[in-house]
PDB file of N, CA and C in Angstrom:
ATOM      1  N   UNK A   1     -70.636  51.421   6.893  1.00  0.00           N
ATOM      2  CA  UNK A   1     -71.571  51.601   5.802  1.00  0.00           C
ATOM      3  C   UNK A   1     -72.085  50.230   5.377  1.00  0.00           C
ATOM      4  N   UNK A   2     -73.364  50.173   5.032  1.00  0.00           N
ATOM      5  CA  UNK A   2     -73.948  48.919   4.584  1.00  0.00           C
ATOM      6  C   UNK A   2     -73.895  48.819   3.071  1.00  0.00           C
ATOM      7  N   UNK A   3     -73.610  47.610   2.597  1.00  0.00           N
ATOM      8  CA  UNK A   3     -73.574  47.302   1.176  1.00  0.00           C
ATOM      9  C   UNK A   3     -74.370  46.032   0.926  1.00  0.00           C
ATOM     10  N   UNK A   4     -75.078  46.000  -0.200  1.00  0.00           N
ATOM     11  CA  UNK A   4     -75.740  44.777  -0.624  1.00  0.00           C
ATOM     12  C   UNK A   4     -74.902  44.146  -1.721  1.00  0.00           C
ATOM     13  N   UNK A   5     -74.590  42.872  -1.545  1.00  0.00           N
ATOM     14  CA  UNK A   5     -73.905  42.084  -2.565  1.00  0.00           C
ATOM     15  C   UNK A   5     -74.993  41.356  -3.342  1.00  0.00           C
ATOM     16  N   UNK A   6     -75.134  41.645  -4.623  1.00  0.00           N
ATOM     17  CA  UNK A   6     -76.101  40.966  -5.478  1.00  0.00           C
ATOM     18  C   UNK A   6     -75.326  39.932  -6.292  1.00  0.00           C
ATOM     19  N   UNK A   7     -75.609  38.671  -6.056  1.00  0.00           N
ATOM     20  CA  UNK A   7     -74.884  37.582  -6.692  1.00  0.00           C
ATOM     21  C   UNK A   7     -75.526  37.265  -8.032  1.00  0.00           C
ATOM     22  N   UNK A   8     -74.734  37.289  -9.102  1.00  0.00           N
ATOM     23  CA  UNK A   8     -75.250  37.019 -10.449  1.00  0.00           C
ATOM     24  C   UNK A   8     -74.367  36.010 -11.156  1.00  0.00           C
ATOM     25  N   UNK A   9     -74.992  35.166 -11.978  1.00  0.00           N
ATOM     26  CA  UNK A   9     -74.245  34.182 -12.767  1.00  0.00           C
ATOM     27  C   UNK A   9     -75.085  33.743 -13.950  1.00  0.00           C
ATOM     28  N   UNK A  10     -74.425  33.211 -14.956  1.00  0.00           N
ATOM     29  CA  UNK A  10     -75.107  32.593 -16.075  1.00  0.00           C
ATOM     30  C   UNK A  10     -75.678  31.267 -15.597  1.00  0.00           C
ATOM     31  N   UNK A  11     -76.957  30.978 -15.875  1.00  0.00           N
ATOM     32  CA  UNK A  11     -77.525  29.706 -15.431  1.00  0.00           C
ATOM     33  C   UNK A  11     -76.659  28.526 -15.871  1.00  0.00           C
ATOM     34  N   UNK A  12     -76.427  27.617 -14.941  1.00  0.00           N
ATOM     35  CA  UNK A  12     -75.629  26.435 -15.232  1.00  0.00           C
ATOM     36  C   UNK A  12     -74.142  26.610 -14.989  1.00  0.00           C
ATOM     37  N   UNK A  13     -73.701  27.825 -14.652  1.00  0.00           N
ATOM     38  CA  UNK A  13     -72.265  28.056 -14.419  1.00  0.00           C
ATOM     39  C   UNK A  13     -71.804  27.403 -13.124  1.00  0.00           C
ATOM     40  N   UNK A  14     -72.681  27.359 -12.138  1.00  0.00           N
ATOM     41  CA  UNK A  14     -72.343  26.750 -10.853  1.00  0.00           C
ATOM     42  C   UNK A  14     -72.489  25.233 -10.955  1.00  0.00           C
ATOM     43  N   UNK A  15     -71.893  24.520 -10.023  1.00  0.00           N
ATOM     44  CA  UNK A  15     -72.036  23.063 -10.026  1.00  0.00           C
ATOM     45  C   UNK A  15     -73.503  22.641  -9.870  1.00  0.00           C
ATOM     46  N   UNK A  16     -73.839  21.481 -10.404  1.00  0.00           N
ATOM     47  CA  UNK A  16     -75.206  20.966 -10.324  1.00  0.00           C
ATOM     48  C   UNK A  16     -75.579  20.696  -8.873  1.00  0.00           C
ATOM     49  N   UNK A  17     -76.778  21.145  -8.495  1.00  0.00           N
ATOM     50  CA  UNK A  17     -77.271  20.978  -7.128  1.00  0.00           C
ATOM     51  C   UNK A  17     -77.204  19.503  -6.731  1.00  0.00           C
ATOM     52  N   UNK A  18     -76.641  19.256  -5.551  1.00  0.00           N
ATOM     53  CA  UNK A  18     -76.567  17.898  -5.013  1.00  0.00           C
ATOM     54  C   UNK A  18     -75.337  17.116  -5.414  1.00  0.00           C
ATOM     55  N   UNK A  19     -74.597  17.591  -6.424  1.00  0.00           N
ATOM     56  CA  UNK A  19     -73.389  16.884  -6.864  1.00  0.00           C
ATOM     57  C   UNK A  19     -72.286  17.055  -5.822  1.00  0.00           C
ATOM     58  N   UNK A  20     -71.257  16.218  -5.890  1.00  0.00           N
ATOM     59  CA  UNK A  20     -70.126  16.345  -4.968  1.00  0.00           C
ATOM     60  C   UNK A  20     -69.474  17.723  -5.105  1.00  0.00           C
ATOM     61  N   UNK A  21     -69.361  18.214  -6.356  1.00  0.00           N
ATOM     62  CA  UNK A  21     -68.774  19.535  -6.586  1.00  0.00           C
ATOM     63  C   UNK A  21     -69.635  20.611  -5.908  1.00  0.00           C
ATOM     64  N   UNK A  22     -70.970  20.462  -6.001  1.00  0.00           N
ATOM     65  CA  UNK A  22     -71.868  21.418  -5.359  1.00  0.00           C
ATOM     66  C   UNK A  22     -71.700  21.374  -3.846  1.00  0.00           C
ATOM     67  N   UNK A  23     -71.561  20.180  -3.271  1.00  0.00           N
ATOM     68  CA  UNK A  23     -71.392  20.051  -1.821  1.00  0.00           C
ATOM     69  C   UNK A  23     -70.125  20.770  -1.364  1.00  0.00           C
ATOM     70  N   UNK A  24     -69.055  20.663  -2.137  1.00  0.00           N
ATOM     71  CA  UNK A  24     -67.816  21.387  -1.815  1.00  0.00           C
ATOM     72  C   UNK A  24     -68.024  22.901  -1.932  1.00  0.00           C
ATOM     73  N   UNK A  25     -68.725  23.307  -2.965  1.00  0.00           N
ATOM     74  CA  UNK A  25     -69.042  24.715  -3.192  1.00  0.00           C
ATOM     75  C   UNK A  25     -69.878  25.266  -2.034  1.00  0.00           C
ATOM     76  N   UNK A  26     -70.877  24.514  -1.614  1.00  0.00           N
ATOM     77  CA  UNK A  26     -71.721  24.924  -0.489  1.00  0.00           C
ATOM     78  C   UNK A  26     -70.891  25.033   0.790  1.00  0.00           C
ATOM     79  N   UNK A  27     -69.932  24.129   0.974  1.00  0.00           N
ATOM     80  CA  UNK A  27     -69.052  24.187   2.148  1.00  0.00           C
ATOM     81  C   UNK A  27     -68.201  25.453   2.115  1.00  0.00           C
ATOM     82  N   UNK A  28     -67.776  25.869   0.919  1.00  0.00           N
ATOM     83  CA  UNK A  28     -67.015  27.115   0.782  1.00  0.00           C
ATOM     84  C   UNK A  28     -67.872  28.302   1.219  1.00  0.00           C
ATOM     85  N   UNK A  29     -69.161  28.285   0.857  1.00  0.00           N
ATOM     86  CA  UNK A  29     -70.063  29.348   1.305  1.00  0.00           C
ATOM     87  C   UNK A  29     -70.232  29.310   2.813  1.00  0.00           C
ATOM     88  N   UNK A  30     -70.315  28.114   3.379  1.00  0.00           N
ATOM     89  CA  UNK A  30     -70.402  27.993   4.832  1.00  0.00           C
ATOM     90  C   UNK A  30     -69.201  28.630   5.506  1.00  0.00           C
ATOM     91  N   UNK A  31     -68.017  28.393   4.940  1.00  0.00           N
ATOM     92  CA  UNK A  31     -66.789  28.976   5.493  1.00  0.00           C
ATOM     93  C   UNK A  31     -66.806  30.499   5.354  1.00  0.00           C
ATOM     94  N   UNK A  32     -67.249  30.998   4.182  1.00  0.00           N
ATOM     95  CA  UNK A  32     -67.322  32.452   3.987  1.00  0.00           C
ATOM     96  C   UNK A  32     -68.289  33.063   4.994  1.00  0.00           C
ATOM     97  N   UNK A  33     -69.460  32.442   5.140  1.00  0.00           N
ATOM     98  CA  UNK A  33     -70.454  32.942   6.092  1.00  0.00           C
ATOM     99  C   UNK A  33     -69.894  32.989   7.507  1.00  0.00           C
ATOM    100  N   UNK A  34     -69.173  31.950   7.886  1.00  0.00           N
ATOM    101  CA  UNK A  34     -68.583  31.892   9.227  1.00  0.00           C
ATOM    102  C   UNK A  34     -67.551  33.000   9.417  1.00  0.00           C
ATOM    103  N   UNK A  35     -66.697  33.210   8.402  1.00  0.00           N
ATOM    104  CA  UNK A  35     -65.693  34.278   8.488  1.00  0.00           C
ATOM    105  C   UNK A  35     -66.358  35.650   8.586  1.00  0.00           C
ATOM    106  N   UNK A  36     -67.402  35.872   7.785  1.00  0.00           N
ATOM    107  CA  UNK A  36     -68.101  37.157   7.801  1.00  0.00           C
ATOM    108  C   UNK A  36     -68.799  37.379   9.145  1.00  0.00           C
ATOM    109  N   UNK A  37     -69.368  36.318   9.714  1.00  0.00           N
ATOM    110  CA  UNK A  37     -70.010  36.437  11.026  1.00  0.00           C
ATOM    111  C   UNK A  37     -68.987  36.752  12.106  1.00  0.00           C
ATOM    112  N   UNK A  38     -67.844  36.061  12.078  1.00  0.00           N
ATOM    113  CA  UNK A  38     -66.784  36.319  13.065  1.00  0.00           C
ATOM    114  C   UNK A  38     -66.242  37.740  12.944  1.00  0.00           C
ATOM    115  N   UNK A  39     -66.189  38.247  11.702  1.00  0.00           N
ATOM    116  CA  UNK A  39     -65.700  39.615  11.483  1.00  0.00           C
ATOM    117  C   UNK A  39     -66.762  40.651  11.855  1.00  0.00           C
ATOM    118  N   UNK A  40     -67.991  40.199  12.097  1.00  0.00           N
ATOM    119  CA  UNK A  40     -69.063  41.108  12.499  1.00  0.00           C
ATOM    120  C   UNK A  40     -69.659  41.920  11.373  1.00  0.00           C
ATOM    121  N   UNK A  41     -69.492  41.467  10.113  1.00  0.00           N
ATOM    122  CA  UNK A  41     -69.998  42.259   8.989  1.00  0.00           C
ATOM    123  C   UNK A  41     -71.296  41.717   8.409  1.00  0.00           C
ATOM    124  N   UNK A  42     -71.620  40.463   8.657  1.00  0.00           N
ATOM    125  CA  UNK A  42     -72.784  39.814   8.036  1.00  0.00           C
ATOM    126  C   UNK A  42     -74.079  40.328   8.664  1.00  0.00           C
ATOM    127  N   UNK A  43     -74.965  40.888   7.852  1.00  0.00           N
ATOM    128  CA  UNK A  43     -76.226  41.436   8.351  1.00  0.00           C
ATOM    129  C   UNK A  43     -77.447  40.679   7.826  1.00  0.00           C
ATOM    130  N   UNK A  44     -77.288  39.875   6.784  1.00  0.00           N
ATOM    131  CA  UNK A  44     -78.419  39.124   6.246  1.00  0.00           C
ATOM    132  C   UNK A  44     -78.141  38.669   4.839  1.00  0.00           C
ATOM    133  N   UNK A  45     -79.078  37.905   4.305  1.00  0.00           N
ATOM    134  CA  UNK A  45     -78.969  37.447   2.937  1.00  0.00           C
ATOM    135  C   UNK A  45     -79.614  36.092   2.764  1.00  0.00           C
ATOM    136  N   UNK A  46     -79.905  35.765   1.516  1.00  0.00           N
ATOM    137  CA  UNK A  46     -80.436  34.457   1.207  1.00  0.00           C
ATOM    138  C   UNK A  46     -80.474  34.262  -0.298  1.00  0.00           C
ATOM    139  N   UNK A  47     -80.524  32.993  -0.732  1.00  0.00           N
ATOM    140  CA  UNK A  47     -80.667  32.739  -2.163  1.00  0.00           C
ATOM    141  C   UNK A  47     -82.098  33.042  -2.599  1.00  0.00           C
ATOM    142  N   UNK A  48     -82.281  33.206  -3.895  1.00  0.00           N
ATOM    143  CA  UNK A  48     -83.613  33.436  -4.444  1.00  0.00           C
ATOM    144  C   UNK A  48     -83.923  32.364  -5.488  1.00  0.00           C
ATOM    145  N   UNK A  49     -85.204  32.190  -5.773  1.00  0.00           N
ATOM    146  CA  UNK A  49     -85.649  31.221  -6.778  1.00  0.00           C
ATOM    147  C   UNK A  49     -85.172  31.670  -8.161  1.00  0.00           C
ATOM    148  N   UNK A  50     -85.106  30.749  -9.129  1.00  0.00           N
ATOM    149  CA  UNK A  50     -84.653  31.121 -10.479  1.00  0.00           C
ATOM    150  C   UNK A  50     -85.608  32.098 -11.158  1.00  0.00           C
ATOM    151  N   UNK A  51     -85.151  32.775 -12.219  1.00  0.00           N
ATOM    152  CA  UNK A  51     -85.941  33.838 -12.842  1.00  0.00           C
ATOM    153  C   UNK A  51     -87.288  33.370 -13.385  1.00  0.00           C
ATOM    154  N   UNK A  52     -87.402  32.118 -13.781  1.00  0.00           N
ATOM    155  CA  UNK A  52     -88.690  31.656 -14.292  1.00  0.00           C
ATOM    156  C   UNK A  52     -89.771  31.637 -13.206  1.00  0.00           C
ATOM    157  N   UNK A  53     -89.376  31.789 -11.946  1.00  0.00           N
ATOM    158  CA  UNK A  53     -90.323  31.872 -10.835  1.00  0.00           C
ATOM    159  C   UNK A  53     -90.656  33.317 -10.478  1.00  0.00           C
ATOM    160  N   UNK A  54     -90.057  34.268 -11.178  1.00  0.00           N
ATOM    161  CA  UNK A  54     -90.231  35.690 -10.864  1.00  0.00           C
ATOM    162  C   UNK A  54     -91.544  36.235 -11.417  1.00  0.00           C
ATOM    163  N   UNK A  55     -92.046  37.255 -10.749  1.00  0.00           N
ATOM    164  CA  UNK A  55     -93.152  38.064 -11.244  1.00  0.00           C
ATOM    165  C   UNK A  55     -92.697  39.506 -11.172  1.00  0.00           C
ATOM    166  N   UNK A  56     -92.861  40.220 -12.268  1.00  0.00           N
ATOM    167  CA  UNK A  56     -92.478  41.624 -12.320  1.00  0.00           C
ATOM    168  C   UNK A  56     -93.744  42.475 -12.332  1.00  0.00           C
ATOM    169  N   UNK A  57     -93.770  43.495 -11.495  1.00  0.00           N
ATOM    170  CA  UNK A  57     -94.912  44.397 -11.386  1.00  0.00           C
ATOM    171  C   UNK A  57     -94.531  45.734 -12.005  1.00  0.00           C
ATOM    172  N   UNK A  58     -95.351  46.186 -12.928  1.00  0.00           N
ATOM    173  CA  UNK A  58     -95.151  47.494 -13.560  1.00  0.00           C
ATOM    174  C   UNK A  58     -96.490  48.232 -13.571  1.00  0.00           C
ATOM    175  N   UNK A  59     -96.422  49.531 -13.676  1.00  0.00           N
ATOM    176  CA  UNK A  59     -97.639  50.312 -13.822  1.00  0.00           C
ATOM    177  C   UNK A  59     -97.560  51.063 -15.141  1.00  0.00           C
ATOM    178  N   UNK A  60     -98.598  50.889 -15.946  1.00  0.00           N
ATOM    179  CA  UNK A  60     -98.694  51.592 -17.221  1.00  0.00           C
ATOM    180  C   UNK A  60     -99.952  52.445 -17.151  1.00  0.00           C
ATOM    181  N   UNK A  61     -99.761  53.754 -17.048  1.00  0.00           N
ATOM    182  CA  UNK A  61    -100.898  54.643 -16.824  1.00  0.00           C
ATOM    183  C   UNK A  61    -101.470  54.366 -15.454  1.00  0.00           C
ATOM    184  N   UNK A  62    -102.757  54.029 -15.393  1.00  0.00           N
ATOM    185  CA  UNK A  62    -103.405  53.701 -14.120  1.00  0.00           C
ATOM    186  C   UNK A  62    -103.486  52.195 -13.893  1.00  0.00           C
ATOM    187  N   UNK A  63    -102.968  51.427 -14.824  1.00  0.00           N
ATOM    188  CA  UNK A  63    -103.127  49.970 -14.760  1.00  0.00           C
ATOM    189  C   UNK A  63    -101.848  49.282 -14.272  1.00  0.00           C
ATOM    190  N   UNK A  64    -102.020  48.406 -13.275  1.00  0.00           N
ATOM    191  CA  UNK A  64    -100.910  47.586 -12.794  1.00  0.00           C
ATOM    192  C   UNK A  64    -100.840  46.349 -13.672  1.00  0.00           C
ATOM    193  N   UNK A  65     -99.655  46.067 -14.202  1.00  0.00           N
ATOM    194  CA  UNK A  65     -99.465  44.907 -15.073  1.00  0.00           C
ATOM    195  C   UNK A  65     -98.456  43.973 -14.444  1.00  0.00           C
ATOM    196  N   UNK A  66     -98.743  42.690 -14.527  1.00  0.00           N
ATOM    197  CA  UNK A  66     -97.843  41.658 -14.028  1.00  0.00           C
ATOM    198  C   UNK A  66     -97.232  40.924 -15.207  1.00  0.00           C
ATOM    199  N   UNK A  67     -95.948  40.626 -15.083  1.00  0.00           N
ATOM    200  CA  UNK A  67     -95.238  39.897 -16.127  1.00  0.00           C
ATOM    201  C   UNK A  67     -94.529  38.722 -15.477  1.00  0.00           C
ATOM    202  N   UNK A  68     -94.624  37.569 -16.102  1.00  0.00           N
ATOM    203  CA  UNK A  68     -93.866  36.419 -15.629  1.00  0.00           C
ATOM    204  C   UNK A  68     -92.405  36.622 -15.984  1.00  0.00           C
ATOM    205  N   UNK A  69     -91.531  36.122 -15.134  1.00  0.00           N
ATOM    206  CA  UNK A  69     -90.116  36.145 -15.440  1.00  0.00           C
ATOM    207  C   UNK A  69     -89.408  37.376 -14.913  1.00  0.00           C
ATOM    208  N   UNK A  70     -88.127  37.464 -15.248  1.00  0.00           N
ATOM    209  CA  UNK A  70     -87.285  38.534 -14.698  1.00  0.00           C
ATOM    210  C   UNK A  70     -87.643  39.889 -15.294  1.00  0.00           C
ATOM    211  N   UNK A  71     -87.104  40.923 -14.650  1.00  0.00           N
ATOM    212  CA  UNK A  71     -87.419  42.289 -15.035  1.00  0.00           C
ATOM    213  C   UNK A  71     -86.683  42.754 -16.275  1.00  0.00           C
ATOM    214  N   UNK A  72     -85.636  42.043 -16.691  1.00  0.00           N
ATOM    215  CA  UNK A  72     -84.848  42.488 -17.843  1.00  0.00           C
ATOM    216  C   UNK A  72     -84.302  41.283 -18.589  1.00  0.00           C
ATOM    217  N   UNK A  73     -84.043  41.467 -19.862  1.00  0.00           N
ATOM    218  CA  UNK A  73     -83.408  40.418 -20.651  1.00  0.00           C
ATOM    219  C   UNK A  73     -81.923  40.407 -20.321  1.00  0.00           C
ATOM    220  N   UNK A  74     -81.432  39.277 -19.916  1.00  0.00           N
ATOM    221  CA  UNK A  74     -80.021  39.176 -19.565  1.00  0.00           C
ATOM    222  C   UNK A  74     -79.599  37.721 -19.576  1.00  0.00           C
ATOM    223  N   UNK A  75     -78.336  37.471 -19.816  1.00  0.00           N
ATOM    224  CA  UNK A  75     -77.820  36.100 -19.763  1.00  0.00           C
ATOM    225  C   UNK A  75     -77.539  35.695 -18.327  1.00  0.00           C
ATOM    226  N   UNK A  76     -77.142  36.656 -17.506  1.00  0.00           N
ATOM    227  CA  UNK A  76     -76.896  36.366 -16.100  1.00  0.00           C
ATOM    228  C   UNK A  76     -78.174  36.608 -15.315  1.00  0.00           C
ATOM    229  N   UNK A  77     -78.335  35.837 -14.241  1.00  0.00           N
ATOM    230  CA  UNK A  77     -79.514  35.975 -13.396  1.00  0.00           C
ATOM    231  C   UNK A  77     -79.075  36.197 -11.954  1.00  0.00           C
ATOM    232  N   UNK A  78     -79.942  36.790 -11.174  1.00  0.00           N
ATOM    233  CA  UNK A  78     -79.665  37.020  -9.759  1.00  0.00           C
ATOM    234  C   UNK A  78     -79.866  35.713  -9.010  1.00  0.00           C
ATOM    235  N   UNK A  79     -78.865  35.335  -8.218  1.00  0.00           N
ATOM    236  CA  UNK A  79     -78.911  34.102  -7.437  1.00  0.00           C
ATOM    237  C   UNK A  79     -79.315  34.347  -5.997  1.00  0.00           C
ATOM    238  N   UNK A  80     -79.009  35.512  -5.481  1.00  0.00           N
ATOM    239  CA  UNK A  80     -79.294  35.830  -4.089  1.00  0.00           C
ATOM    240  C   UNK A  80     -78.608  37.123  -3.709  1.00  0.00           C
ATOM    241  N   UNK A  81     -78.574  37.380  -2.415  1.00  0.00           N
ATOM    242  CA  UNK A  81     -77.991  38.633  -1.937  1.00  0.00           C
ATOM    243  C   UNK A  81     -77.452  38.449  -0.527  1.00  0.00           C
ATOM    244  N   UNK A  82     -76.535  39.317  -0.173  1.00  0.00           N
ATOM    245  CA  UNK A  82     -76.005  39.425   1.185  1.00  0.00           C
ATOM    246  C   UNK A  82     -76.027  40.895   1.562  1.00  0.00           C
ATOM    247  N   UNK A  83     -76.291  41.165   2.806  1.00  0.00           N
ATOM    248  CA  UNK A  83     -76.155  42.519   3.332  1.00  0.00           C
ATOM    249  C   UNK A  83     -74.993  42.494   4.309  1.00  0.00           C
ATOM    250  N   UNK A  84     -74.001  43.331   4.062  1.00  0.00           N
ATOM    251  CA  UNK A  84     -72.830  43.404   4.929  1.00  0.00           C
ATOM    252  C   UNK A  84     -72.676  44.838   5.418  1.00  0.00           C
ATOM    253  N   UNK A  85     -71.997  44.989   6.533  1.00  0.00           N
ATOM    254  CA  UNK A  85     -71.697  46.322   7.047  1.00  0.00           C
ATOM    255  C   UNK A  85     -70.203  46.401   7.286  1.00  0.00           C
ATOM    256  N   UNK A  86     -69.537  47.209   6.479  1.00  0.00           N
ATOM    257  CA  UNK A  86     -68.086  47.368   6.534  1.00  0.00           C
ATOM    258  C   UNK A  86     -67.766  48.858   6.525  1.00  0.00           C
ATOM    259  N   UNK A  87     -66.498  49.199   6.690  1.00  0.00           N
ATOM    260  CA  UNK A  87     -66.109  50.611   6.800  1.00  0.00           C
ATOM    261  C   UNK A  87     -66.167  51.376   5.483  1.00  0.00           C
ATOM    262  N   UNK A  88     -65.891  50.677   4.362  1.00  0.00           N
ATOM    263  CA  UNK A  88     -65.809  51.396   3.091  1.00  0.00           C
ATOM    264  C   UNK A  88     -65.917  50.416   1.919  1.00  0.00           C
ATOM    265  N   UNK A  89     -65.950  50.974   0.709  1.00  0.00           N
ATOM    266  CA  UNK A  89     -66.083  50.164  -0.500  1.00  0.00           C
ATOM    267  C   UNK A  89     -64.903  49.213  -0.684  1.00  0.00           C
ATOM    268  N   UNK A  90     -63.699  49.658  -0.362  1.00  0.00           N
ATOM    269  CA  UNK A  90     -62.534  48.783  -0.504  1.00  0.00           C
ATOM    270  C   UNK A  90     -62.684  47.510   0.321  1.00  0.00           C
ATOM    271  N   UNK A  91     -63.195  47.641   1.539  1.00  0.00           N
ATOM    272  CA  UNK A  91     -63.409  46.470   2.385  1.00  0.00           C
ATOM    273  C   UNK A  91     -64.530  45.598   1.810  1.00  0.00           C
ATOM    274  N   UNK A  92     -65.576  46.219   1.268  1.00  0.00           N
ATOM    275  CA  UNK A  92     -66.656  45.454   0.638  1.00  0.00           C
ATOM    276  C   UNK A  92     -66.118  44.654  -0.547  1.00  0.00           C
ATOM    277  N   UNK A  93     -65.263  45.259  -1.341  1.00  0.00           N
ATOM    278  CA  UNK A  93     -64.658  44.577  -2.493  1.00  0.00           C
ATOM    279  C   UNK A  93     -63.812  43.405  -2.019  1.00  0.00           C
ATOM    280  N   UNK A  94     -63.064  43.594  -0.957  1.00  0.00           N
ATOM    281  CA  UNK A  94     -62.232  42.516  -0.408  1.00  0.00           C
ATOM    282  C   UNK A  94     -63.100  41.315  -0.039  1.00  0.00           C
ATOM    283  N   UNK A  95     -64.208  41.553   0.662  1.00  0.00           N
ATOM    284  CA  UNK A  95     -65.087  40.466   1.080  1.00  0.00           C
ATOM    285  C   UNK A  95     -65.795  39.833  -0.119  1.00  0.00           C
ATOM    286  N   UNK A  96     -66.246  40.638  -1.059  1.00  0.00           N
ATOM    287  CA  UNK A  96     -66.933  40.098  -2.239  1.00  0.00           C
ATOM    288  C   UNK A  96     -66.001  39.211  -3.063  1.00  0.00           C
ATOM    289  N   UNK A  97     -64.741  39.606  -3.172  1.00  0.00           N
ATOM    290  CA  UNK A  97     -63.799  38.830  -3.989  1.00  0.00           C
ATOM    291  C   UNK A  97     -63.484  37.469  -3.384  1.00  0.00           C
ATOM    292  N   UNK A  98     -63.753  37.312  -2.085  1.00  0.00           N
ATOM    293  CA  UNK A  98     -63.517  36.027  -1.424  1.00  0.00           C
ATOM    294  C   UNK A  98     -64.700  35.064  -1.559  1.00  0.00           C
ATOM    295  N   UNK A  99     -65.852  35.562  -2.011  1.00  0.00           N
ATOM    296  CA  UNK A  99     -67.032  34.698  -2.100  1.00  0.00           C
ATOM    297  C   UNK A  99     -66.792  33.604  -3.132  1.00  0.00           C
ATOM    298  N   UNK A 100     -67.253  32.387  -2.863  1.00  0.00           N
ATOM    299  CA  UNK A 100     -67.029  31.265  -3.783  1.00  0.00           C
ATOM    300  C   UNK A 100     -67.520  31.523  -5.208  1.00  0.00           C
ATOM    301  N   UNK A 101     -68.608  32.260  -5.388  1.00  0.00           N
ATOM    302  CA  UNK A 101     -69.119  32.556  -6.724  1.00  0.00           C
ATOM    303  C   UNK A 101     -68.049  33.247  -7.569  1.00  0.00           C
ATOM    304  N   UNK A 102     -67.374  34.214  -6.979  1.00  0.00           N
ATOM    305  CA  UNK A 102     -66.322  34.964  -7.672  1.00  0.00           C
ATOM    306  C   UNK A 102     -65.015  34.174  -7.668  1.00  0.00           C
ATOM    307  N   UNK A 103     -64.656  33.661  -6.507  1.00  0.00           N
ATOM    308  CA  UNK A 103     -63.387  32.958  -6.344  1.00  0.00           C
ATOM    309  C   UNK A 103     -63.259  31.768  -7.297  1.00  0.00           C
ATOM    310  N   UNK A 104     -64.378  31.081  -7.577  1.00  0.00           N
ATOM    311  CA  UNK A 104     -64.372  29.931  -8.486  1.00  0.00           C
ATOM    312  C   UNK A 104     -64.661  30.312  -9.931  1.00  0.00           C
ATOM    313  N   UNK A 105     -64.914  31.586 -10.198  1.00  0.00           N
ATOM    314  CA  UNK A 105     -65.154  32.046 -11.560  1.00  0.00           C
ATOM    315  C   UNK A 105     -66.527  31.694 -12.107  1.00  0.00           C
ATOM    316  N   UNK A 106     -67.505  31.439 -11.243  1.00  0.00           N
ATOM    317  CA  UNK A 106     -68.844  31.068 -11.696  1.00  0.00           C
ATOM    318  C   UNK A 106     -69.720  32.268 -12.004  1.00  0.00           C
ATOM    319  N   UNK A 107     -69.406  33.428 -11.463  1.00  0.00           N
ATOM    320  CA  UNK A 107     -70.258  34.591 -11.665  1.00  0.00           C
ATOM    321  C   UNK A 107     -69.630  35.841 -11.088  1.00  0.00           C
ATOM    322  N   UNK A 108     -70.469  36.793 -10.764  1.00  0.00           N
ATOM    323  CA  UNK A 108     -70.000  38.103 -10.301  1.00  0.00           C
ATOM    324  C   UNK A 108     -70.854  38.571  -9.131  1.00  0.00           C
ATOM    325  N   UNK A 109     -70.373  39.584  -8.466  1.00  0.00           N
ATOM    326  CA  UNK A 109     -71.119  40.212  -7.382  1.00  0.00           C
ATOM    327  C   UNK A 109     -71.192  41.703  -7.658  1.00  0.00           C
ATOM    328  N   UNK A 110     -72.408  42.192  -7.742  1.00  0.00           N
ATOM    329  CA  UNK A 110     -72.623  43.625  -7.867  1.00  0.00           C
ATOM    330  C   UNK A 110     -72.734  44.174  -6.449  1.00  0.00           C
ATOM    331  N   UNK A 111     -71.962  45.197  -6.149  1.00  0.00           N
ATOM    332  CA  UNK A 111     -71.959  45.807  -4.818  1.00  0.00           C
ATOM    333  C   UNK A 111     -72.687  47.135  -4.909  1.00  0.00           C
ATOM    334  N   UNK A 112     -73.715  47.272  -4.082  1.00  0.00           N
ATOM    335  CA  UNK A 112     -74.443  48.540  -4.055  1.00  0.00           C
ATOM    336  C   UNK A 112     -74.489  49.081  -2.637  1.00  0.00           C
ATOM    337  N   UNK A 113     -74.120  50.348  -2.438  1.00  0.00           N
ATOM    338  CA  UNK A 113     -74.262  50.963  -1.124  1.00  0.00           C
ATOM    339  C   UNK A 113     -75.733  51.086  -0.768  1.00  0.00           C
ATOM    340  N   UNK A 114     -76.028  50.872   0.498  1.00  0.00           N
ATOM    341  CA  UNK A 114     -77.402  51.051   0.976  1.00  0.00           C
ATOM    342  C   UNK A 114     -77.696  52.541   1.114  1.00  0.00           C
ATOM    343  N   UNK A 115     -78.955  52.869   1.017  1.00  0.00           N
ATOM    344  CA  UNK A 115     -79.410  54.245   1.218  1.00  0.00           C
ATOM    345  C   UNK A 115     -79.673  54.414   2.716  1.00  0.00           C
ATOM    346  N   UNK A 116     -79.097  55.459   3.289  1.00  0.00           N
ATOM    347  CA  UNK A 116     -79.294  55.729   4.698  1.00  0.00           C
ATOM    348  C   UNK A 116     -80.197  56.934   4.847  1.00  0.00           C
ATOM    349  N   UNK A 117     -81.494  56.687   5.045  1.00  0.00           N
ATOM    350  CA  UNK A 117     -82.462  57.781   5.145  1.00  0.00           C
ATOM    351  C   UNK A 117     -82.339  58.563   6.438  1.00  0.00           C
ATOM    352  N   UNK A 118     -81.609  58.022   7.402  1.00  0.00           N
ATOM    353  CA  UNK A 118     -81.446  58.737   8.679  1.00  0.00           C
ATOM    354  C   UNK A 118     -80.456  59.894   8.546  1.00  0.00           C
ATOM    355  N   UNK A 119     -79.735  59.962   7.464  1.00  0.00           N
ATOM    356  CA  UNK A 119     -78.738  61.008   7.263  1.00  0.00           C
ATOM    357  C   UNK A 119     -79.329  62.265   6.611  1.00  0.00           C
ATOM    358  N   UNK A 120     -80.643  62.409   6.698  1.00  0.00           N
ATOM    359  CA  UNK A 120     -81.342  63.613   6.292  1.00  0.00           C
ATOM    360  C   UNK A 120     -81.297  63.894   4.871  1.00  0.00           C
TER     361      UNK A 120
END
């Protein structure tokens, strides 16, 4: 079954980009990525730009409206996503709990099962 890991954190919770702490953190992600690839579960993923770079599209009546910024008011923001394919939710939780974001206490991972339209 495929699951999407949505990485969320409060802005500034992670180490500052380019700092020695960030370089170590990035190396931890490299190790996680390598382990997930070796296990054959990694299907894709990437970081996303911060919420101030977001555009939200809504339709009100017949009119399409664009809004700058994220889709909802929240203290935590989406940092990126991973798509993994594992046997069940328990295995997805095991892999998510090993991610540096969670392991270092910087944020959380929301796990969502993918929709399989081929299953009728």
